[in-house]
Amino acid sequence: GDNVGDCAARGADLFESIAAEIISAMILGGTMAQRCKIEDPSGFILFPLVVHSFDLIVSSVGIFSIRGTRESGVMAPMEDPMAILQKGYSVTIVLAVLAFGL
């Protein structure tokens, strides 16, 4: 009971923090575009949403790329967990560089 409440509160806190970060970046982008007298500020306002959209896609692909090795249908004896995670990190980094390099 208590542990479930702590986990739910942590998730709500993270969601609130990320939402506040995105909204503040959108407000800052709109204000900056307005002060620079840019006619169409939509690019500045939508940029944080685009970045976080790429974030979700790249992170999801990185998570789904993590697999342990199998030996005849059973898990291998003991593979280093950090080596498995490093594969996911590598995939995520490559995709992030490609996505944000565009």
N, C-alpha and C. Protein backbone atom coordinates (compact mmCIF):
# COMPACT_ATOMS: atom_id res chain seq x y z
N GLY A 1 0.80 -1.18 0.00
CA GLY A 1 0.00 0.00 0.00
C GLY A 1 0.85 1.25 0.00
N ASP A 2 1.75 1.36 0.97
CA ASP A 2 2.57 2.57 1.10
C ASP A 2 3.54 2.68 -0.07
N ASN A 3 4.11 1.55 -0.47
CA ASN A 3 5.06 1.54 -1.59
C ASN A 3 4.38 1.94 -2.90
N VAL A 4 3.15 1.49 -3.10
CA VAL A 4 2.41 1.83 -4.31
C VAL A 4 2.17 3.34 -4.36
N GLY A 5 1.81 3.92 -3.24
CA GLY A 5 1.59 5.36 -3.18
C GLY A 5 2.86 6.14 -3.48
N ASP A 6 3.99 5.65 -2.97
CA ASP A 6 5.27 6.31 -3.25
C ASP A 6 5.61 6.27 -4.73
N CYS A 7 5.38 5.12 -5.36
CA CYS A 7 5.67 4.99 -6.80
C CYS A 7 4.75 5.88 -7.63
N ALA A 8 3.48 5.93 -7.27
CA ALA A 8 2.53 6.78 -8.00
C ALA A 8 2.90 8.25 -7.84
N ALA A 9 3.30 8.63 -6.64
CA ALA A 9 3.70 10.02 -6.40
C ALA A 9 4.95 10.37 -7.19
N ARG A 10 5.89 9.44 -7.27
CA ARG A 10 7.10 9.69 -8.03
C ARG A 10 6.78 9.88 -9.51
N GLY A 11 5.90 9.04 -10.04
CA GLY A 11 5.51 9.17 -11.44
C GLY A 11 4.79 10.48 -11.71
N ALA A 12 3.91 10.88 -10.80
CA ALA A 12 3.19 12.15 -10.96
C ALA A 12 4.15 13.32 -10.88
N ASP A 13 5.14 13.24 -9.99
CA ASP A 13 6.12 14.31 -9.85
C ASP A 13 6.96 14.44 -11.11
N LEU A 14 7.40 13.31 -11.67
CA LEU A 14 8.19 13.36 -12.90
C LEU A 14 7.37 13.93 -14.06
N PHE A 15 6.11 13.51 -14.17
CA PHE A 15 5.25 14.03 -15.22
C PHE A 15 5.09 15.53 -15.09
N GLU A 16 4.86 16.01 -13.87
CA GLU A 16 4.67 17.44 -13.64
C GLU A 16 5.93 18.22 -13.98
N SER A 17 7.08 17.67 -13.62
CA SER A 17 8.34 18.36 -13.90
C SER A 17 8.59 18.47 -15.40
N ILE A 18 8.37 17.38 -16.13
CA ILE A 18 8.60 17.40 -17.57
C ILE A 18 7.58 18.29 -18.27
N ALA A 19 6.32 18.25 -17.83
CA ALA A 19 5.30 19.11 -18.43
C ALA A 19 5.63 20.58 -18.20
N ALA A 20 6.07 20.92 -16.99
CA ALA A 20 6.45 22.31 -16.69
C ALA A 20 7.65 22.74 -17.53
N GLU A 21 8.60 21.83 -17.73
CA GLU A 21 9.77 22.14 -18.55
C GLU A 21 9.36 22.43 -19.99
N ILE A 22 8.50 21.60 -20.55
CA ILE A 22 8.06 21.78 -21.94
C ILE A 22 7.27 23.08 -22.09
N ILE A 23 6.34 23.31 -21.18
CA ILE A 23 5.51 24.52 -21.28
C ILE A 23 6.35 25.78 -21.11
N SER A 24 7.30 25.77 -20.18
CA SER A 24 8.14 26.95 -20.00
C SER A 24 9.03 27.19 -21.21
N ALA A 25 9.51 26.13 -21.85
CA ALA A 25 10.31 26.29 -23.06
C ALA A 25 9.46 26.84 -24.21
N MET A 26 8.20 26.41 -24.28
CA MET A 26 7.30 26.93 -25.31
C MET A 26 7.01 28.42 -25.08
N ILE A 27 6.79 28.81 -23.83
CA ILE A 27 6.55 30.22 -23.51
C ILE A 27 7.79 31.05 -23.82
N LEU A 28 8.95 30.53 -23.45
CA LEU A 28 10.20 31.23 -23.71
C LEU A 28 10.44 31.39 -25.21
N GLY A 29 10.16 30.33 -25.99
CA GLY A 29 10.31 30.42 -27.44
C GLY A 29 9.37 31.42 -28.06
N GLY A 30 8.12 31.45 -27.61
CA GLY A 30 7.15 32.42 -28.13
C GLY A 30 7.54 33.84 -27.79
N THR A 31 8.00 34.06 -26.56
CA THR A 31 8.42 35.40 -26.14
C THR A 31 9.65 35.85 -26.92
N MET A 32 10.60 34.94 -27.11
CA MET A 32 11.80 35.28 -27.86
C MET A 32 11.46 35.64 -29.31
N ALA A 33 10.57 34.87 -29.92
CA ALA A 33 10.17 35.15 -31.30
C ALA A 33 9.44 36.48 -31.39
N GLN A 34 8.63 36.78 -30.40
CA GLN A 34 7.88 38.04 -30.39
C GLN A 34 8.82 39.23 -30.24
N ARG A 35 9.80 39.11 -29.36
CA ARG A 35 10.74 40.22 -29.15
C ARG A 35 11.66 40.43 -30.34
N CYS A 36 11.94 39.36 -31.07
CA CYS A 36 12.77 39.48 -32.28
C CYS A 36 11.93 39.85 -33.50
N LYS A 37 10.65 40.08 -33.28
CA LYS A 37 9.71 40.48 -34.32
C LYS A 37 9.65 39.47 -35.48
N ILE A 38 9.61 38.20 -35.13
CA ILE A 38 9.46 37.13 -36.12
C ILE A 38 7.97 36.95 -36.38
N GLU A 39 7.60 36.95 -37.66
CA GLU A 39 6.18 36.92 -38.02
C GLU A 39 5.48 35.64 -37.59
N ASP A 40 6.10 34.49 -37.83
CA ASP A 40 5.46 33.21 -37.50
C ASP A 40 6.26 32.52 -36.39
N PRO A 41 5.84 32.64 -35.15
CA PRO A 41 6.61 32.06 -34.04
C PRO A 41 6.31 30.59 -33.79
N SER A 42 5.53 29.95 -34.66
CA SER A 42 5.12 28.56 -34.38
C SER A 42 6.31 27.60 -34.29
N GLY A 43 7.35 27.82 -35.07
CA GLY A 43 8.53 26.96 -34.99
C GLY A 43 9.21 27.03 -33.63
N PHE A 44 9.28 28.24 -33.08
CA PHE A 44 9.89 28.42 -31.76
C PHE A 44 9.02 27.80 -30.66
N ILE A 45 7.71 27.89 -30.84
CA ILE A 45 6.80 27.37 -29.82
C ILE A 45 6.73 25.84 -29.87
N LEU A 46 6.75 25.27 -31.06
CA LEU A 46 6.60 23.82 -31.21
C LEU A 46 7.91 23.05 -31.06
N PHE A 47 9.05 23.75 -31.08
CA PHE A 47 10.34 23.07 -31.00
C PHE A 47 10.48 22.15 -29.79
N PRO A 48 10.10 22.56 -28.57
CA PRO A 48 10.21 21.63 -27.43
C PRO A 48 9.37 20.37 -27.59
N LEU A 49 8.21 20.49 -28.22
CA LEU A 49 7.37 19.30 -28.45
C LEU A 49 8.03 18.35 -29.45
N VAL A 50 8.65 18.92 -30.48
CA VAL A 50 9.33 18.09 -31.49
C VAL A 50 10.50 17.36 -30.85
N VAL A 51 11.27 18.06 -30.03
CA VAL A 51 12.43 17.44 -29.37
C VAL A 51 11.99 16.29 -28.47
N HIS A 52 10.95 16.50 -27.69
CA HIS A 52 10.49 15.44 -26.79
C HIS A 52 9.80 14.31 -27.54
N SER A 53 9.23 14.58 -28.69
CA SER A 53 8.66 13.51 -29.53
C SER A 53 9.78 12.60 -30.04
N PHE A 54 10.85 13.22 -30.55
CA PHE A 54 12.00 12.42 -30.97
C PHE A 54 12.56 11.65 -29.79
N ASP A 55 12.58 12.27 -28.63
CA ASP A 55 13.04 11.63 -27.40
C ASP A 55 12.29 10.34 -27.12
N LEU A 56 10.97 10.40 -27.19
CA LEU A 56 10.14 9.22 -26.93
C LEU A 56 10.41 8.11 -27.93
N ILE A 57 10.49 8.46 -29.20
CA ILE A 57 10.71 7.46 -30.25
C ILE A 57 12.07 6.81 -30.09
N VAL A 58 13.10 7.63 -29.95
CA VAL A 58 14.47 7.11 -29.85
C VAL A 58 14.64 6.25 -28.59
N SER A 59 14.09 6.69 -27.47
CA SER A 59 14.19 5.92 -26.22
C SER A 59 13.45 4.59 -26.33
N SER A 60 12.28 4.61 -26.97
CA SER A 60 11.51 3.37 -27.13
C SER A 60 12.25 2.36 -27.99
N VAL A 61 12.84 2.82 -29.08
CA VAL A 61 13.61 1.91 -29.94
C VAL A 61 14.81 1.37 -29.18
N GLY A 62 15.47 2.21 -28.40
CA GLY A 62 16.60 1.76 -27.59
C GLY A 62 16.20 0.71 -26.57
N ILE A 63 15.04 0.89 -25.95
CA ILE A 63 14.55 -0.10 -24.97
C ILE A 63 14.23 -1.42 -25.65
N PHE A 64 13.56 -1.36 -26.81
CA PHE A 64 13.17 -2.59 -27.49
C PHE A 64 14.36 -3.30 -28.14
N SER A 65 15.51 -2.62 -28.25
CA SER A 65 16.68 -3.26 -28.85
C SER A 65 17.46 -4.10 -27.83
N ILE A 66 17.11 -4.02 -26.56
CA ILE A 66 17.82 -4.77 -25.52
C ILE A 66 17.30 -6.20 -25.48
N ARG A 67 18.19 -7.13 -25.68
CA ARG A 67 17.85 -8.56 -25.64
C ARG A 67 19.02 -9.31 -25.01
N GLY A 68 18.70 -10.30 -24.22
CA GLY A 68 19.71 -11.20 -23.70
C GLY A 68 19.97 -12.31 -24.71
N THR A 69 21.08 -12.99 -24.57
CA THR A 69 21.37 -14.09 -25.50
C THR A 69 20.67 -15.35 -25.03
N ARG A 70 20.35 -16.20 -25.98
CA ARG A 70 19.66 -17.45 -25.65
C ARG A 70 20.51 -18.64 -26.12
N GLU A 71 20.46 -19.69 -25.35
CA GLU A 71 21.10 -20.94 -25.73
C GLU A 71 20.02 -22.01 -25.76
N SER A 72 19.69 -22.48 -26.93
CA SER A 72 18.68 -23.52 -27.15
C SER A 72 17.39 -23.26 -26.38
N GLY A 73 16.86 -22.05 -26.53
CA GLY A 73 15.58 -21.72 -25.93
C GLY A 73 15.61 -21.33 -24.47
N VAL A 74 16.78 -21.38 -23.85
CA VAL A 74 16.88 -20.99 -22.45
C VAL A 74 17.83 -19.79 -22.37
N MET A 75 17.71 -19.03 -21.32
CA MET A 75 18.61 -17.88 -21.16
C MET A 75 20.05 -18.37 -20.96
N ALA A 76 21.00 -17.61 -21.47
CA ALA A 76 22.42 -17.94 -21.32
C ALA A 76 22.79 -17.88 -19.84
N PRO A 77 23.87 -18.59 -19.44
CA PRO A 77 24.22 -18.69 -18.02
C PRO A 77 24.20 -17.35 -17.27
N MET A 78 25.12 -16.48 -17.49
CA MET A 78 25.10 -15.17 -16.84
C MET A 78 25.82 -14.18 -17.74
N GLU A 79 25.06 -13.42 -18.47
CA GLU A 79 25.65 -12.38 -19.30
C GLU A 79 25.70 -11.10 -18.47
N ASP A 80 26.74 -10.31 -18.68
CA ASP A 80 26.91 -9.08 -17.93
C ASP A 80 25.74 -8.12 -18.22
N PRO A 81 24.97 -7.75 -17.21
CA PRO A 81 23.82 -6.86 -17.44
C PRO A 81 24.23 -5.51 -18.03
N MET A 82 25.39 -5.01 -17.65
CA MET A 82 25.82 -3.72 -18.18
C MET A 82 26.14 -3.82 -19.66
N ALA A 83 26.63 -4.97 -20.12
CA ALA A 83 26.89 -5.15 -21.55
C ALA A 83 25.59 -5.12 -22.34
N ILE A 84 24.54 -5.71 -21.79
CA ILE A 84 23.24 -5.70 -22.45
C ILE A 84 22.70 -4.27 -22.51
N LEU A 85 22.80 -3.54 -21.40
CA LEU A 85 22.33 -2.15 -21.38
C LEU A 85 23.16 -1.27 -22.30
N GLN A 86 24.45 -1.56 -22.41
CA GLN A 86 25.32 -0.76 -23.27
C GLN A 86 24.89 -0.86 -24.73
N LYS A 87 24.38 -2.03 -25.14
CA LYS A 87 23.85 -2.17 -26.50
C LYS A 87 22.67 -1.22 -26.72
N GLY A 88 21.78 -1.16 -25.74
CA GLY A 88 20.64 -0.24 -25.82
C GLY A 88 21.08 1.21 -25.85
N TYR A 89 22.08 1.55 -25.01
CA TYR A 89 22.60 2.91 -25.00
C TYR A 89 23.19 3.26 -26.37
N SER A 90 23.94 2.34 -26.95
CA SER A 90 24.57 2.59 -28.25
C SER A 90 23.53 2.83 -29.34
N VAL A 91 22.50 2.00 -29.37
CA VAL A 91 21.42 2.18 -30.36
C VAL A 91 20.75 3.53 -30.16
N THR A 92 20.48 3.88 -28.91
CA THR A 92 19.81 5.15 -28.61
C THR A 92 20.67 6.34 -29.00
N ILE A 93 21.96 6.27 -28.73
CA ILE A 93 22.85 7.38 -29.07
C ILE A 93 22.93 7.58 -30.57
N VAL A 94 23.07 6.49 -31.31
CA VAL A 94 23.14 6.59 -32.78
C VAL A 94 21.86 7.18 -33.34
N LEU A 95 20.71 6.70 -32.87
CA LEU A 95 19.43 7.22 -33.36
C LEU A 95 19.23 8.68 -32.96
N ALA A 96 19.66 9.06 -31.76
CA ALA A 96 19.52 10.45 -31.32
C ALA A 96 20.38 11.37 -32.17
N VAL A 97 21.59 10.95 -32.47
CA VAL A 97 22.46 11.77 -33.32
C VAL A 97 21.85 11.92 -34.71
N LEU A 98 21.29 10.84 -35.24
CA LEU A 98 20.65 10.93 -36.55
C LEU A 98 19.39 11.80 -36.51
N ALA A 99 18.58 11.64 -35.48
CA ALA A 99 17.32 12.40 -35.38
C ALA A 99 17.57 13.88 -35.14
N PHE A 100 18.49 14.20 -34.25
CA PHE A 100 18.73 15.60 -33.93
C PHE A 100 19.70 16.25 -34.91
N GLY A 101 20.39 15.44 -35.69
CA GLY A 101 21.29 15.98 -36.71
C GLY A 101 20.55 16.47 -37.94
N LEU A 102 19.29 16.08 -38.07
CA LEU A 102 18.50 16.52 -39.22
C LEU A 102 18.19 17.95 -39.04
